[in-house]
C-alpha cells in the first residue's frame, strides 16, 4: 500500500480480512482495502467497500473518513459541464452529510470546500444549457435557466454574465408579443 501498488495491496487486505475476520485490525484493514481501490481509481468498487465498512462498524472512529471518501468517489467521477451532473449531485449530498453530521471532524471543512466547488459546477452546467437555449433562440427556456441559477446558486459568481442575458431574453420575448 505504501509503495502505491494498490492492486497487490487490495489483494493482501482481502486475504487478511478473510483469514482474520474477528481481529481488532479488521476494521482498519477494511478501510485500507477501500483506500487501495480508491487510489487505483476503481471508484465504484471503493464506494461499495466504504459503504460496507460503515454498515459493519457504524460507530467506528473512521466513519467520518469513510463517508468523506464515499463523497470523493463521486467527486472523482464528475464530468465536464456539458455532461450529466449526477455524480456532482451525489457528491454534494455526501459532503453535506459529512459537514452536518461530523462538524468536528477534520473532513468537515474539506467537505464544505468541495460543496462550493460542486455547486459552482452545477451552476456552470445550468449556464451552459441556458446559453445553448439563448444561442438557438429559445428565449423562454434560456430565461428560466438563467433565473434559476440566480435563485439556486446566488453565490456562483455568474451574476455579471447572467444579468445581460436575462435582459436580452426579456427583450426578445417582448418582441414576440
N, C-alpha and C. Protein backbone atom coordinates (compact mmCIF):
# COMPACT_ATOMS: atom_id res chain seq x y z
N UNK A 1 0.84 -1.20 0.00
CA UNK A 1 0.00 0.00 0.00
C UNK A 1 0.87 1.25 0.00
N UNK A 2 1.87 1.27 0.88
CA UNK A 2 2.76 2.44 0.96
C UNK A 2 3.59 2.62 -0.30
N UNK A 3 3.82 1.54 -1.02
CA UNK A 3 4.59 1.62 -2.28
C UNK A 3 3.68 1.93 -3.47
N UNK A 4 2.42 2.22 -3.17
CA UNK A 4 1.42 2.58 -4.18
C UNK A 4 1.15 1.45 -5.19
N UNK A 5 1.31 0.26 -4.74
CA UNK A 5 0.94 -0.91 -5.56
C UNK A 5 -0.44 -1.36 -5.07
N UNK A 6 -1.43 -0.61 -5.49
CA UNK A 6 -2.76 -0.72 -4.91
C UNK A 6 -3.47 -2.03 -5.23
N UNK A 7 -3.21 -2.58 -6.40
CA UNK A 7 -3.86 -3.85 -6.74
C UNK A 7 -3.36 -4.96 -5.81
N UNK A 8 -2.05 -5.02 -5.61
CA UNK A 8 -1.49 -6.02 -4.70
C UNK A 8 -1.94 -5.75 -3.27
N UNK A 9 -2.01 -4.48 -2.90
CA UNK A 9 -2.44 -4.12 -1.55
C UNK A 9 -3.87 -4.57 -1.30
N UNK A 10 -4.76 -4.33 -2.27
CA UNK A 10 -6.16 -4.73 -2.07
C UNK A 10 -6.28 -6.25 -1.95
N UNK A 11 -5.46 -6.98 -2.70
CA UNK A 11 -5.47 -8.44 -2.56
C UNK A 11 -5.03 -8.85 -1.16
N UNK A 12 -3.98 -8.22 -0.66
CA UNK A 12 -3.46 -8.54 0.68
C UNK A 12 -4.49 -8.19 1.75
N UNK A 13 -5.15 -7.06 1.60
CA UNK A 13 -6.16 -6.64 2.59
C UNK A 13 -7.35 -7.61 2.57
N UNK A 14 -7.76 -8.03 1.39
CA UNK A 14 -8.86 -9.01 1.29
C UNK A 14 -8.49 -10.32 1.96
N UNK A 15 -7.27 -10.76 1.72
CA UNK A 15 -6.79 -12.01 2.30
C UNK A 15 -6.78 -11.91 3.83
N UNK A 16 -6.27 -10.80 4.36
CA UNK A 16 -6.24 -10.60 5.80
C UNK A 16 -7.66 -10.64 6.38
N UNK A 17 -8.56 -9.95 5.70
CA UNK A 17 -9.96 -9.88 6.13
C UNK A 17 -10.60 -11.28 6.19
N UNK A 18 -10.31 -12.09 5.20
CA UNK A 18 -10.85 -13.46 5.17
C UNK A 18 -10.24 -14.34 6.26
N UNK A 19 -8.94 -14.20 6.47
CA UNK A 19 -8.24 -15.06 7.42
C UNK A 19 -8.39 -14.62 8.88
N UNK A 20 -8.69 -13.32 9.09
CA UNK A 20 -8.79 -12.79 10.46
C UNK A 20 -10.05 -11.93 10.62
N UNK A 21 -11.22 -12.51 10.41
CA UNK A 21 -12.44 -11.70 10.45
C UNK A 21 -12.75 -11.07 11.81
N UNK A 22 -12.22 -11.63 12.89
CA UNK A 22 -12.52 -11.12 14.22
C UNK A 22 -11.37 -10.32 14.83
N UNK A 23 -10.34 -10.05 14.05
CA UNK A 23 -9.20 -9.30 14.55
C UNK A 23 -9.59 -7.85 14.84
N UNK A 24 -8.92 -7.26 15.82
CA UNK A 24 -9.13 -5.83 16.11
C UNK A 24 -8.69 -4.95 14.94
N UNK A 25 -7.82 -5.47 14.11
CA UNK A 25 -7.32 -4.71 12.96
C UNK A 25 -8.24 -4.77 11.75
N UNK A 26 -9.19 -5.68 11.76
CA UNK A 26 -10.05 -5.88 10.59
C UNK A 26 -10.76 -4.59 10.14
N UNK A 27 -11.34 -3.78 11.04
CA UNK A 27 -11.98 -2.55 10.55
C UNK A 27 -11.01 -1.63 9.79
N UNK A 28 -9.79 -1.48 10.31
CA UNK A 28 -8.83 -0.63 9.61
C UNK A 28 -8.39 -1.25 8.29
N UNK A 29 -8.29 -2.56 8.26
CA UNK A 29 -7.95 -3.26 7.02
C UNK A 29 -9.06 -3.03 5.99
N UNK A 30 -10.31 -3.02 6.42
CA UNK A 30 -11.43 -2.78 5.51
C UNK A 30 -11.35 -1.37 4.91
N UNK A 31 -10.98 -0.40 5.74
CA UNK A 31 -10.83 0.97 5.24
C UNK A 31 -9.66 1.04 4.25
N UNK A 32 -8.56 0.40 4.57
CA UNK A 32 -7.39 0.43 3.67
C UNK A 32 -7.68 -0.33 2.36
N UNK A 33 -8.50 -1.34 2.44
CA UNK A 33 -8.93 -2.03 1.23
C UNK A 33 -9.68 -1.05 0.33
N UNK A 34 -10.61 -0.32 0.92
CA UNK A 34 -11.37 0.68 0.16
C UNK A 34 -10.42 1.76 -0.37
N UNK A 35 -9.47 2.19 0.45
CA UNK A 35 -8.49 3.19 0.00
C UNK A 35 -7.68 2.67 -1.18
N UNK A 36 -7.27 1.42 -1.11
CA UNK A 36 -6.49 0.83 -2.22
C UNK A 36 -7.28 0.89 -3.52
N UNK A 37 -8.55 0.57 -3.44
CA UNK A 37 -9.39 0.64 -4.63
C UNK A 37 -9.55 2.09 -5.10
N UNK A 38 -9.74 2.99 -4.14
CA UNK A 38 -9.90 4.41 -4.46
C UNK A 38 -8.66 4.94 -5.19
N UNK A 39 -7.49 4.70 -4.62
CA UNK A 39 -6.27 5.21 -5.21
C UNK A 39 -5.91 4.50 -6.51
N UNK A 40 -6.50 3.35 -6.75
CA UNK A 40 -6.34 2.63 -8.01
C UNK A 40 -7.41 3.10 -9.01
N UNK A 41 -8.14 4.12 -8.64
CA UNK A 41 -9.19 4.75 -9.45
C UNK A 41 -10.34 3.81 -9.78
N UNK A 42 -10.60 2.88 -8.88
CA UNK A 42 -11.76 1.99 -9.01
C UNK A 42 -12.83 2.53 -8.06
N UNK A 43 -13.39 3.67 -8.45
CA UNK A 43 -14.25 4.43 -7.55
C UNK A 43 -15.54 3.72 -7.18
N UNK A 44 -16.16 3.03 -8.12
CA UNK A 44 -17.41 2.33 -7.81
C UNK A 44 -17.16 1.21 -6.79
N UNK A 45 -16.08 0.47 -6.97
CA UNK A 45 -15.74 -0.60 -6.02
C UNK A 45 -15.36 -0.02 -4.66
N UNK A 46 -14.60 1.04 -4.68
CA UNK A 46 -14.18 1.69 -3.43
C UNK A 46 -15.41 2.17 -2.66
N UNK A 47 -16.35 2.79 -3.38
CA UNK A 47 -17.57 3.28 -2.75
C UNK A 47 -18.27 2.16 -1.99
N UNK A 48 -18.40 1.01 -2.64
CA UNK A 48 -19.08 -0.13 -2.02
C UNK A 48 -18.33 -0.59 -0.77
N UNK A 49 -17.00 -0.60 -0.82
CA UNK A 49 -16.21 -1.01 0.33
C UNK A 49 -16.35 -0.04 1.50
N UNK A 50 -16.33 1.26 1.21
CA UNK A 50 -16.52 2.25 2.28
C UNK A 50 -17.92 2.10 2.88
N UNK A 51 -18.89 1.90 2.03
CA UNK A 51 -20.28 1.73 2.47
C UNK A 51 -20.41 0.49 3.36
N UNK A 52 -19.79 -0.59 2.94
CA UNK A 52 -19.82 -1.82 3.73
C UNK A 52 -19.16 -1.61 5.09
N UNK A 53 -18.03 -0.91 5.09
CA UNK A 53 -17.34 -0.60 6.35
C UNK A 53 -18.28 0.15 7.30
N UNK A 54 -18.98 1.15 6.77
CA UNK A 54 -19.90 1.94 7.60
C UNK A 54 -21.03 1.08 8.17
N UNK A 55 -21.54 0.16 7.36
CA UNK A 55 -22.62 -0.71 7.84
C UNK A 55 -22.13 -1.64 8.94
N UNK A 56 -20.93 -2.17 8.76
CA UNK A 56 -20.39 -3.12 9.74
C UNK A 56 -19.89 -2.46 11.02
N UNK A 57 -19.46 -1.20 10.92
CA UNK A 57 -18.85 -0.51 12.07
C UNK A 57 -19.41 0.91 12.18
N UNK A 58 -20.70 1.05 12.48
CA UNK A 58 -21.34 2.37 12.44
C UNK A 58 -20.82 3.39 13.45
N UNK A 59 -20.15 2.95 14.50
CA UNK A 59 -19.65 3.92 15.48
C UNK A 59 -18.12 3.98 15.52
N UNK A 60 -17.49 3.39 14.53
CA UNK A 60 -16.01 3.40 14.45
C UNK A 60 -15.51 4.82 14.19
N UNK A 61 -14.34 5.12 14.72
CA UNK A 61 -13.75 6.46 14.56
C UNK A 61 -13.47 6.82 13.10
N UNK A 62 -13.37 5.83 12.22
CA UNK A 62 -13.07 6.09 10.81
C UNK A 62 -14.33 6.33 9.96
N UNK A 63 -15.51 6.32 10.57
CA UNK A 63 -16.74 6.51 9.80
C UNK A 63 -16.78 7.88 9.11
N UNK A 64 -16.40 8.99 9.79
CA UNK A 64 -16.39 10.27 9.06
C UNK A 64 -15.47 10.23 7.83
N UNK A 65 -14.32 9.62 8.00
CA UNK A 65 -13.38 9.49 6.87
C UNK A 65 -14.00 8.66 5.75
N UNK A 66 -14.59 7.52 6.10
CA UNK A 66 -15.19 6.64 5.09
C UNK A 66 -16.31 7.37 4.35
N UNK A 67 -17.10 8.14 5.07
CA UNK A 67 -18.19 8.89 4.43
C UNK A 67 -17.63 9.95 3.49
N UNK A 68 -16.59 10.65 3.94
CA UNK A 68 -15.93 11.65 3.10
C UNK A 68 -15.39 10.98 1.83
N UNK A 69 -14.77 9.83 2.00
CA UNK A 69 -14.21 9.11 0.85
C UNK A 69 -15.31 8.63 -0.10
N UNK A 70 -16.47 8.28 0.45
CA UNK A 70 -17.60 7.91 -0.41
C UNK A 70 -17.97 9.10 -1.30
N UNK A 71 -17.99 10.29 -0.69
CA UNK A 71 -18.27 11.50 -1.46
C UNK A 71 -17.19 11.73 -2.51
N UNK A 72 -15.94 11.47 -2.11
CA UNK A 72 -14.83 11.65 -3.05
C UNK A 72 -14.91 10.67 -4.23
N UNK A 73 -15.47 9.50 -4.00
CA UNK A 73 -15.68 8.55 -5.10
C UNK A 73 -16.56 9.18 -6.17
N UNK A 74 -17.61 9.87 -5.74
CA UNK A 74 -18.47 10.57 -6.70
C UNK A 74 -17.74 11.77 -7.29
N UNK A 75 -17.05 12.51 -6.44
CA UNK A 75 -16.35 13.72 -6.85
C UNK A 75 -15.35 13.42 -7.98
N UNK A 76 -14.64 12.32 -7.84
CA UNK A 76 -13.62 11.95 -8.83
C UNK A 76 -14.24 11.54 -10.18
N UNK A 77 -15.55 11.31 -10.19
CA UNK A 77 -16.23 10.90 -11.41
C UNK A 77 -17.05 12.03 -12.03
N UNK A 78 -16.89 13.24 -11.51
CA UNK A 78 -17.62 14.38 -12.05
C UNK A 78 -17.18 14.63 -13.49
N UNK A 79 -18.15 14.81 -14.34
CA UNK A 79 -17.89 15.04 -15.76
C UNK A 79 -17.86 16.54 -16.06
N UNK A 80 -17.48 16.90 -17.27
CA UNK A 80 -17.43 18.31 -17.67
C UNK A 80 -18.85 18.90 -17.65
N UNK A 81 -18.91 20.22 -17.68
CA UNK A 81 -20.20 20.91 -17.50
C UNK A 81 -21.21 20.62 -18.61
N UNK A 82 -20.76 20.11 -19.74
CA UNK A 82 -21.68 19.80 -20.83
C UNK A 82 -22.24 18.38 -20.74
N UNK A 83 -21.93 17.69 -19.64
CA UNK A 83 -22.37 16.30 -19.46
C UNK A 83 -23.28 16.18 -18.24
N UNK A 84 -23.82 14.99 -18.05
CA UNK A 84 -24.69 14.69 -16.91
C UNK A 84 -23.98 15.00 -15.58
N UNK A 85 -24.68 15.58 -14.64
CA UNK A 85 -24.09 16.00 -13.37
C UNK A 85 -24.58 15.17 -12.18
N UNK A 86 -25.01 13.95 -12.43
CA UNK A 86 -25.48 13.09 -11.35
C UNK A 86 -24.40 12.87 -10.29
N UNK A 87 -23.17 12.64 -10.72
CA UNK A 87 -22.08 12.41 -9.76
C UNK A 87 -21.87 13.65 -8.90
N UNK A 88 -22.00 14.82 -9.48
CA UNK A 88 -21.84 16.08 -8.75
C UNK A 88 -22.90 16.18 -7.66
N UNK A 89 -24.13 15.88 -8.02
CA UNK A 89 -25.23 15.95 -7.04
C UNK A 89 -25.05 14.94 -5.92
N UNK A 90 -24.62 13.73 -6.26
CA UNK A 90 -24.39 12.71 -5.23
C UNK A 90 -23.23 13.11 -4.31
N UNK A 91 -22.20 13.71 -4.90
CA UNK A 91 -21.06 14.17 -4.10
C UNK A 91 -21.51 15.23 -3.10
N UNK A 92 -22.30 16.19 -3.56
CA UNK A 92 -22.80 17.25 -2.68
C UNK A 92 -23.56 16.65 -1.51
N UNK A 93 -24.43 15.71 -1.82
CA UNK A 93 -25.25 15.08 -0.78
C UNK A 93 -24.37 14.47 0.32
N UNK A 94 -23.34 13.75 -0.06
CA UNK A 94 -22.47 13.10 0.93
C UNK A 94 -21.54 14.10 1.62
N UNK A 95 -21.04 15.08 0.88
CA UNK A 95 -20.21 16.11 1.53
C UNK A 95 -21.04 16.88 2.57
N UNK A 96 -22.29 17.15 2.22
CA UNK A 96 -23.18 17.84 3.15
C UNK A 96 -23.40 16.98 4.40
N UNK A 97 -23.58 15.68 4.20
CA UNK A 97 -23.76 14.76 5.32
C UNK A 97 -22.55 14.81 6.25
N UNK A 98 -21.37 14.80 5.68
CA UNK A 98 -20.13 14.87 6.49
C UNK A 98 -20.08 16.16 7.27
N UNK A 99 -20.31 17.29 6.61
CA UNK A 99 -20.19 18.58 7.29
C UNK A 99 -21.26 18.78 8.36
N UNK A 100 -22.45 18.23 8.15
CA UNK A 100 -23.53 18.40 9.12
C UNK A 100 -23.46 17.39 10.27
N UNK A 101 -23.03 16.15 9.98
CA UNK A 101 -23.05 15.11 11.00
C UNK A 101 -21.73 14.92 11.73
N UNK A 102 -20.65 15.40 11.15
CA UNK A 102 -19.32 15.30 11.78
C UNK A 102 -18.62 16.65 11.74
N UNK A 103 -19.26 17.70 12.30
CA UNK A 103 -18.70 19.05 12.18
C UNK A 103 -17.33 19.21 12.84
N UNK A 104 -17.01 18.36 13.82
CA UNK A 104 -15.71 18.46 14.49
C UNK A 104 -14.62 17.65 13.78
N UNK A 105 -15.00 16.86 12.80
CA UNK A 105 -14.02 16.02 12.11
C UNK A 105 -13.16 16.89 11.20
N UNK A 106 -11.93 16.46 10.96
CA UNK A 106 -11.08 17.22 10.04
C UNK A 106 -11.60 17.22 8.60
N UNK A 107 -12.56 16.35 8.32
CA UNK A 107 -13.09 16.25 6.95
C UNK A 107 -14.24 17.22 6.71
N UNK A 108 -14.80 17.79 7.77
CA UNK A 108 -15.94 18.69 7.62
C UNK A 108 -15.57 19.92 6.81
N UNK A 109 -14.44 20.53 7.13
CA UNK A 109 -14.01 21.74 6.41
C UNK A 109 -13.70 21.42 4.95
N UNK A 110 -13.03 20.30 4.73
CA UNK A 110 -12.74 19.88 3.35
C UNK A 110 -14.04 19.64 2.58
N UNK A 111 -15.00 19.04 3.25
CA UNK A 111 -16.30 18.77 2.62
C UNK A 111 -16.97 20.06 2.21
N UNK A 112 -16.92 21.07 3.08
CA UNK A 112 -17.54 22.36 2.74
C UNK A 112 -16.88 22.98 1.50
N UNK A 113 -15.57 22.87 1.41
CA UNK A 113 -14.87 23.38 0.22
C UNK A 113 -15.28 22.64 -1.04
N UNK A 114 -15.46 21.35 -0.93
CA UNK A 114 -15.87 20.55 -2.09
C UNK A 114 -17.31 20.88 -2.49
N UNK A 115 -18.16 21.17 -1.49
CA UNK A 115 -19.55 21.56 -1.79
C UNK A 115 -19.53 22.83 -2.63
N UNK A 116 -18.71 23.79 -2.26
CA UNK A 116 -18.61 25.05 -3.00
C UNK A 116 -18.22 24.77 -4.45
N UNK A 117 -17.22 23.92 -4.63
CA UNK A 117 -16.79 23.56 -5.99
C UNK A 117 -17.93 22.90 -6.76
N UNK A 118 -18.61 21.96 -6.13
CA UNK A 118 -19.69 21.21 -6.79
C UNK A 118 -20.86 22.12 -7.15
N UNK A 119 -21.19 23.04 -6.26
CA UNK A 119 -22.28 23.97 -6.55
C UNK A 119 -21.93 24.86 -7.75
N UNK A 120 -20.69 25.26 -7.83
CA UNK A 120 -20.25 26.07 -8.98
C UNK A 120 -20.33 25.22 -10.25
N UNK A 121 -19.97 23.96 -10.15
CA UNK A 121 -20.05 23.04 -11.29
C UNK A 121 -21.50 22.95 -11.78
N UNK A 122 -22.44 22.82 -10.85
CA UNK A 122 -23.85 22.73 -11.24
C UNK A 122 -24.34 24.04 -11.85
N UNK A 123 -23.89 25.16 -11.28
CA UNK A 123 -24.27 26.47 -11.84
C UNK A 123 -23.71 26.62 -13.25
N UNK A 124 -22.46 26.23 -13.44
CA UNK A 124 -21.85 26.30 -14.78
C UNK A 124 -22.59 25.40 -15.77
N UNK A 125 -23.03 24.25 -15.29
CA UNK A 125 -23.81 23.33 -16.13
C UNK A 125 -25.12 23.99 -16.58
N UNK A 126 -25.81 24.59 -15.63
CA UNK A 126 -27.07 25.28 -15.95
C UNK A 126 -26.82 26.45 -16.90
N UNK A 127 -25.73 27.18 -16.68
CA UNK A 127 -25.38 28.30 -17.56
C UNK A 127 -25.10 27.79 -18.97
N UNK A 128 -24.40 26.69 -19.07
CA UNK A 128 -24.09 26.10 -20.37
C UNK A 128 -25.39 25.79 -21.12
N UNK A 129 -26.34 25.18 -20.42
CA UNK A 129 -27.63 24.83 -21.04
C UNK A 129 -28.40 26.10 -21.41
N UNK A 130 -28.44 27.06 -20.47
CA UNK A 130 -29.13 28.32 -20.74
C UNK A 130 -28.53 29.03 -21.95
N UNK A 131 -27.23 29.02 -22.05
CA UNK A 131 -26.54 29.66 -23.17
C UNK A 131 -26.87 28.96 -24.49
N UNK A 132 -26.98 27.63 -24.43
CA UNK A 132 -27.39 26.88 -25.63
C UNK A 132 -28.78 27.32 -26.07
N UNK A 133 -29.71 27.41 -25.12
CA UNK A 133 -31.07 27.86 -25.46
C UNK A 133 -31.05 29.27 -26.02
N UNK A 134 -30.23 30.12 -25.43
CA UNK A 134 -30.15 31.51 -25.89
C UNK A 134 -29.64 31.55 -27.34
N UNK A 135 -28.58 30.81 -27.63
CA UNK A 135 -28.00 30.80 -28.98
C UNK A 135 -28.98 30.23 -30.01
N UNK A 136 -29.84 29.29 -29.58
CA UNK A 136 -30.80 28.68 -30.50
C UNK A 136 -32.16 29.41 -30.47
N UNK A 137 -32.16 30.61 -29.87
CA UNK A 137 -33.33 31.50 -29.84
C UNK A 137 -34.53 30.93 -29.09
N UNK A 138 -34.26 30.08 -28.12
CA UNK A 138 -35.31 29.56 -27.24
C UNK A 138 -35.24 30.40 -25.96
N UNK A 139 -35.72 31.63 -26.08
CA UNK A 139 -35.51 32.63 -25.03
C UNK A 139 -36.25 32.32 -23.73
N UNK A 140 -37.43 31.75 -23.83
CA UNK A 140 -38.18 31.43 -22.61
C UNK A 140 -37.42 30.37 -21.78
N UNK A 141 -36.92 29.35 -22.46
CA UNK A 141 -36.16 28.29 -21.77
C UNK A 141 -34.84 28.86 -21.21
N UNK A 142 -34.19 29.70 -22.00
CA UNK A 142 -32.93 30.32 -21.54
C UNK A 142 -33.18 31.18 -20.31
N UNK A 143 -34.23 32.00 -20.36
CA UNK A 143 -34.57 32.86 -19.23
C UNK A 143 -34.82 32.04 -17.97
N UNK A 144 -35.56 30.94 -18.11
CA UNK A 144 -35.85 30.09 -16.95
C UNK A 144 -34.55 29.53 -16.36
N UNK A 145 -33.61 29.11 -17.20
CA UNK A 145 -32.32 28.59 -16.71
C UNK A 145 -31.53 29.68 -16.00
N UNK A 146 -31.44 30.85 -16.63
CA UNK A 146 -30.65 31.93 -16.05
C UNK A 146 -31.22 32.41 -14.71
N UNK A 147 -32.55 32.56 -14.67
CA UNK A 147 -33.18 32.98 -13.41
C UNK A 147 -33.03 31.88 -12.35
N UNK A 148 -33.10 30.63 -12.78
CA UNK A 148 -32.91 29.52 -11.86
C UNK A 148 -31.53 29.52 -11.23
N UNK A 149 -30.52 29.88 -12.00
CA UNK A 149 -29.15 29.95 -11.46
C UNK A 149 -29.08 31.01 -10.36
N UNK A 150 -29.68 32.17 -10.63
CA UNK A 150 -29.65 33.26 -9.63
C UNK A 150 -30.36 32.85 -8.34
N UNK A 151 -31.44 32.08 -8.48
CA UNK A 151 -32.18 31.64 -7.29
C UNK A 151 -31.46 30.52 -6.56
N UNK A 152 -31.04 29.51 -7.29
CA UNK A 152 -30.48 28.31 -6.67
C UNK A 152 -29.00 28.45 -6.31
N UNK A 153 -28.26 29.25 -7.08
CA UNK A 153 -26.81 29.39 -6.86
C UNK A 153 -26.44 30.88 -6.80
N UNK A 154 -26.99 31.62 -5.82
CA UNK A 154 -26.74 33.06 -5.78
C UNK A 154 -25.26 33.41 -5.54
N UNK A 155 -24.48 32.47 -5.04
CA UNK A 155 -23.07 32.72 -4.75
C UNK A 155 -22.15 32.15 -5.83
N UNK A 156 -22.69 31.93 -7.02
CA UNK A 156 -21.91 31.27 -8.08
C UNK A 156 -20.89 32.18 -8.75
N UNK A 157 -21.07 33.49 -8.64
CA UNK A 157 -20.17 34.41 -9.32
C UNK A 157 -20.54 34.61 -10.79
N UNK A 158 -21.67 34.09 -11.19
CA UNK A 158 -22.08 34.20 -12.60
C UNK A 158 -23.04 35.38 -12.84
N UNK A 159 -23.37 36.12 -11.80
CA UNK A 159 -24.37 37.18 -11.92
C UNK A 159 -24.03 38.17 -13.03
N UNK A 160 -22.76 38.56 -13.13
CA UNK A 160 -22.34 39.52 -14.15
C UNK A 160 -22.55 39.01 -15.57
N UNK A 161 -22.43 37.73 -15.77
CA UNK A 161 -22.66 37.14 -17.09
C UNK A 161 -24.14 36.94 -17.35
N UNK A 162 -24.88 36.66 -16.28
CA UNK A 162 -26.29 36.28 -16.44
C UNK A 162 -27.20 37.49 -16.64
N UNK A 163 -26.98 38.56 -15.90
CA UNK A 163 -27.89 39.73 -15.96
C UNK A 163 -28.08 40.26 -17.38
N UNK A 164 -27.01 40.46 -18.17
CA UNK A 164 -27.22 40.94 -19.56
C UNK A 164 -28.00 39.92 -20.41
N UNK A 165 -27.78 38.64 -20.15
CA UNK A 165 -28.50 37.62 -20.92
C UNK A 165 -29.98 37.58 -20.54
N UNK A 166 -30.27 37.79 -19.26
CA UNK A 166 -31.67 37.87 -18.82
C UNK A 166 -32.36 39.05 -19.51
N UNK A 167 -31.68 40.19 -19.53
CA UNK A 167 -32.24 41.39 -20.17
C UNK A 167 -32.47 41.12 -21.66
N UNK A 168 -31.53 40.46 -22.31
CA UNK A 168 -31.67 40.16 -23.74
C UNK A 168 -32.83 39.19 -23.98
N UNK A 169 -32.98 38.20 -23.11
CA UNK A 169 -34.10 37.25 -23.24
C UNK A 169 -35.43 37.97 -23.11
N UNK A 170 -35.53 38.82 -22.11
CA UNK A 170 -36.79 39.57 -21.89
C UNK A 170 -37.11 40.46 -23.08
N UNK A 171 -36.09 41.09 -23.61
CA UNK A 171 -36.28 41.96 -24.78
C UNK A 171 -36.81 41.16 -25.96
N UNK A 172 -36.21 39.99 -26.20
CA UNK A 172 -36.64 39.14 -27.31
C UNK A 172 -38.06 38.60 -27.08
N UNK A 173 -38.39 38.27 -25.83
CA UNK A 173 -39.73 37.77 -25.53
C UNK A 173 -40.78 38.85 -25.72
N UNK A 174 -40.42 40.11 -25.44
CA UNK A 174 -41.36 41.21 -25.67
C UNK A 174 -41.64 41.40 -27.16
N UNK A 175 -40.64 41.17 -27.97
CA UNK A 175 -40.79 41.29 -29.43
C UNK A 175 -41.79 40.27 -29.97
N UNK A 176 -41.83 39.08 -29.31
CA UNK A 176 -42.72 38.01 -29.74
C UNK A 176 -44.19 38.34 -29.50
N UNK A 177 -44.45 39.24 -28.56
CA UNK A 177 -45.85 39.53 -28.20
C UNK A 177 -46.52 40.44 -29.17
